[in-house]
Amino acid sequence: MVIKTLDDIPKKGIEGVGVEAVSKQVLLSQSDGALHFTMRRFEIEPGGFSFYHTHDFEHEIYILAGEGVVRNDHSETPIHQDMVILVMPNEIHQIINRGQTNLTFICVVPTVT
């Protein structure tokens, strides 16, 4: 069994073209012995946004705090605390913080070997 606190896990800013004011913590991964999934915690500051991107695997998102929108190629949908999102494989998506506080969420993806 692996047990940690958020204070034990480094928070790293994500940089690049197409991302603004996003940080990530890898909560559980292969390095902890997780065989099938990686669990990550993201924070997006007010006005910030994730990459507008796609990948060939699904992932699940649980909004812990804040509000914003999730965008795909057809629409923008408002999101807020206690909502869940399923992003399907190859679905283009982006999360944008349109609130006044940090938008914080858990994202679970399959472990890529």
C-alpha atoms as a PDB file:
ATOM      1  CA  MET A   1       0.000   0.000   0.000  1.00  0.00           C
ATOM      2  CA  VAL A   2       1.214   3.500  -0.814  1.00  0.00           C
ATOM      3  CA  ILE A   3      -0.049   6.432   1.244  1.00  0.00           C
ATOM      4  CA  LYS A   4       1.002  10.050   0.675  1.00  0.00           C
ATOM      5  CA  THR A   5      -0.108  13.595   1.371  1.00  0.00           C
ATOM      6  CA  LEU A   6      -0.164  16.441  -1.155  1.00  0.00           C
ATOM      7  CA  ASP A   7       2.741  18.009   0.735  1.00  0.00           C
ATOM      8  CA  ASP A   8       4.846  14.940  -0.175  1.00  0.00           C
ATOM      9  CA  ILE A   9       4.308  15.432  -3.915  1.00  0.00           C
ATOM     10  CA  PRO A  10       6.145  18.085  -5.952  1.00  0.00           C
ATOM     11  CA  LYS A  11       4.004  20.566  -7.883  1.00  0.00           C
ATOM     12  CA  LYS A  12       5.372  21.422 -11.313  1.00  0.00           C
ATOM     13  CA  GLY A  13       4.273  24.190 -13.637  1.00  0.00           C
ATOM     14  CA  ILE A  14       3.380  23.186 -17.181  1.00  0.00           C
ATOM     15  CA  GLU A  15       4.962  25.382 -19.821  1.00  0.00           C
ATOM     16  CA  GLY A  16       4.601  25.681 -23.561  1.00  0.00           C
ATOM     17  CA  VAL A  17       2.663  27.304 -26.345  1.00  0.00           C
ATOM     18  CA  GLY A  18      -1.065  26.855 -25.768  1.00  0.00           C
ATOM     19  CA  VAL A  19      -1.061  26.438 -21.989  1.00  0.00           C
ATOM     20  CA  GLU A  20      -1.301  29.156 -19.353  1.00  0.00           C
ATOM     21  CA  ALA A  21      -1.076  29.109 -15.525  1.00  0.00           C
ATOM     22  CA  VAL A  22      -1.359  25.319 -15.022  1.00  0.00           C
ATOM     23  CA  SER A  23       0.450  23.184 -12.450  1.00  0.00           C
ATOM     24  CA  LYS A  24       0.442  19.407 -12.007  1.00  0.00           C
ATOM     25  CA  GLN A  25       1.151  16.879  -9.281  1.00  0.00           C
ATOM     26  CA  VAL A  26       1.526  13.193 -10.150  1.00  0.00           C
ATOM     27  CA  LEU A  27      -0.232  11.568  -7.213  1.00  0.00           C
ATOM     28  CA  LEU A  28       0.203   7.901  -8.132  1.00  0.00           C
ATOM     29  CA  SER A  29       2.055   6.316 -11.037  1.00  0.00           C
ATOM     30  CA  GLN A  30       4.213   3.376 -12.082  1.00  0.00           C
ATOM     31  CA  SER A  31       6.978   4.695  -9.834  1.00  0.00           C
ATOM     32  CA  ASP A  32       4.638   3.985  -6.892  1.00  0.00           C
ATOM     33  CA  GLY A  33       3.764   0.527  -8.189  1.00  0.00           C
ATOM     34  CA  ALA A  34       0.480   1.485  -9.904  1.00  0.00           C
ATOM     35  CA  LEU A  35       0.099  -1.043 -12.702  1.00  0.00           C
ATOM     36  CA  HIS A  36      -2.725   0.323 -14.830  1.00  0.00           C
ATOM     37  CA  PHE A  37      -3.503   3.973 -14.051  1.00  0.00           C
ATOM     38  CA  THR A  38      -1.802   7.271 -13.296  1.00  0.00           C
ATOM     39  CA  MET A  39      -3.588   9.738 -11.047  1.00  0.00           C
ATOM     40  CA  ARG A  40      -2.758  13.430 -11.383  1.00  0.00           C
ATOM     41  CA  ARG A  41      -3.929  16.627  -9.698  1.00  0.00           C
ATOM     42  CA  PHE A  42      -4.069  19.846 -11.730  1.00  0.00           C
ATOM     43  CA  GLU A  43      -4.578  23.458 -10.721  1.00  0.00           C
ATOM     44  CA  ILE A  44      -5.449  26.143 -13.235  1.00  0.00           C
ATOM     45  CA  GLU A  45      -5.235  29.716 -12.006  1.00  0.00           C
ATOM     46  CA  PRO A  46      -7.958  32.254 -12.910  1.00  0.00           C
ATOM     47  CA  GLY A  47      -7.689  33.044 -16.629  1.00  0.00           C
ATOM     48  CA  GLY A  48      -5.510  29.993 -17.258  1.00  0.00           C
ATOM     49  CA  PHE A  49      -6.117  27.044 -19.580  1.00  0.00           C
ATOM     50  CA  SER A  50      -4.775  23.625 -20.500  1.00  0.00           C
ATOM     51  CA  PHE A  51      -3.546  22.633 -23.947  1.00  0.00           C
ATOM     52  CA  TYR A  52      -6.230  22.210 -26.639  1.00  0.00           C
ATOM     53  CA  HIS A  53      -5.221  18.660 -27.465  1.00  0.00           C
ATOM     54  CA  THR A  54      -6.138  15.065 -28.153  1.00  0.00           C
ATOM     55  CA  HIS A  55      -4.655  11.636 -27.422  1.00  0.00           C
ATOM     56  CA  ASP A  56      -5.519   8.034 -28.173  1.00  0.00           C
ATOM     57  CA  PHE A  57      -6.747   7.073 -24.693  1.00  0.00           C
ATOM     58  CA  GLU A  58      -9.702   8.014 -22.539  1.00  0.00           C
ATOM     59  CA  HIS A  59      -9.364   9.800 -19.247  1.00  0.00           C
ATOM     60  CA  GLU A  60     -11.571  10.692 -16.336  1.00  0.00           C
ATOM     61  CA  ILE A  61     -11.675  14.044 -14.562  1.00  0.00           C
ATOM     62  CA  TYR A  62     -13.208  14.974 -11.194  1.00  0.00           C
ATOM     63  CA  ILE A  63     -13.520  18.694 -10.399  1.00  0.00           C
ATOM     64  CA  LEU A  64     -12.451  19.327  -6.802  1.00  0.00           C
ATOM     65  CA  ALA A  65     -12.852  23.123  -6.681  1.00  0.00           C
ATOM     66  CA  GLY A  66     -13.469  26.147  -8.845  1.00  0.00           C
ATOM     67  CA  GLU A  67     -15.354  26.714 -12.072  1.00  0.00           C
ATOM     68  CA  GLY A  68     -14.703  27.081 -15.749  1.00  0.00           C
ATOM     69  CA  VAL A  69     -15.504  25.373 -19.030  1.00  0.00           C
ATOM     70  CA  VAL A  70     -14.448  22.234 -20.838  1.00  0.00           C
ATOM     71  CA  ARG A  71     -14.126  22.792 -24.568  1.00  0.00           C
ATOM     72  CA  ASN A  72     -14.227  20.329 -27.448  1.00  0.00           C
ATOM     73  CA  ASP A  73     -14.546  20.899 -31.188  1.00  0.00           C
ATOM     74  CA  HIS A  74     -18.334  21.365 -30.907  1.00  0.00           C
ATOM     75  CA  SER A  75     -19.003  23.357 -27.737  1.00  0.00           C
ATOM     76  CA  GLU A  76     -17.984  24.746 -24.370  1.00  0.00           C
ATOM     77  CA  THR A  77     -19.686  23.279 -21.313  1.00  0.00           C
ATOM     78  CA  PRO A  78     -19.634  24.983 -17.900  1.00  0.00           C
ATOM     79  CA  ILE A  79     -17.965  22.929 -15.155  1.00  0.00           C
ATOM     80  CA  HIS A  80     -17.758  23.326 -11.390  1.00  0.00           C
ATOM     81  CA  GLN A  81     -16.974  21.486  -8.176  1.00  0.00           C
ATOM     82  CA  ASP A  82     -18.206  17.885  -7.919  1.00  0.00           C
ATOM     83  CA  MET A  83     -18.695  17.409 -11.659  1.00  0.00           C
ATOM     84  CA  VAL A  84     -17.088  14.520 -13.530  1.00  0.00           C
ATOM     85  CA  ILE A  85     -15.934  14.438 -17.150  1.00  0.00           C
ATOM     86  CA  LEU A  86     -15.163  11.503 -19.410  1.00  0.00           C
ATOM     87  CA  VAL A  87     -12.898  12.461 -22.315  1.00  0.00           C
ATOM     88  CA  MET A  88     -13.063   9.805 -25.014  1.00  0.00           C
ATOM     89  CA  PRO A  89     -10.036   8.648 -27.044  1.00  0.00           C
ATOM     90  CA  ASN A  90      -9.116  11.086 -29.828  1.00  0.00           C
ATOM     91  CA  GLU A  91     -11.598  13.722 -28.582  1.00  0.00           C
ATOM     92  CA  ILE A  92     -10.055  17.175 -28.738  1.00  0.00           C
ATOM     93  CA  HIS A  93     -10.450  18.983 -25.409  1.00  0.00           C
ATOM     94  CA  GLN A  94      -9.321  21.860 -23.233  1.00  0.00           C
ATOM     95  CA  ILE A  95     -10.118  23.053 -19.715  1.00  0.00           C
ATOM     96  CA  ILE A  96     -10.361  26.794 -19.132  1.00  0.00           C
ATOM     97  CA  ASN A  97     -10.650  28.544 -15.762  1.00  0.00           C
ATOM     98  CA  ARG A  98     -13.261  31.290 -16.076  1.00  0.00           C
ATOM     99  CA  GLY A  99     -13.694  31.670 -12.317  1.00  0.00           C
ATOM    100  CA  GLN A 100     -12.115  33.870  -9.671  1.00  0.00           C
ATOM    101  CA  THR A 101     -10.321  31.054  -7.791  1.00  0.00           C
ATOM    102  CA  ASN A 102      -8.108  28.149  -8.811  1.00  0.00           C
ATOM    103  CA  LEU A 103      -9.814  25.375 -10.786  1.00  0.00           C
ATOM    104  CA  THR A 104      -8.551  22.133  -9.237  1.00  0.00           C
ATOM    105  CA  PHE A 105      -9.205  18.644 -10.559  1.00  0.00           C
ATOM    106  CA  ILE A 106      -8.085  15.031 -10.478  1.00  0.00           C
ATOM    107  CA  CYS A 107      -7.330  13.374 -13.820  1.00  0.00           C
ATOM    108  CA  VAL A 108      -6.871   9.606 -14.185  1.00  0.00           C
ATOM    109  CA  VAL A 109      -5.246   8.186 -17.313  1.00  0.00           C
ATOM    110  CA  PRO A 110      -4.099   4.697 -18.281  1.00  0.00           C
ATOM    111  CA  THR A 111      -0.453   3.994 -17.597  1.00  0.00           C
ATOM    112  CA  VAL A 112       1.504   3.878 -20.822  1.00  0.00           C
ATOM    113  CA  THR A 113       4.245   1.252 -20.795  1.00  0.00           C
END
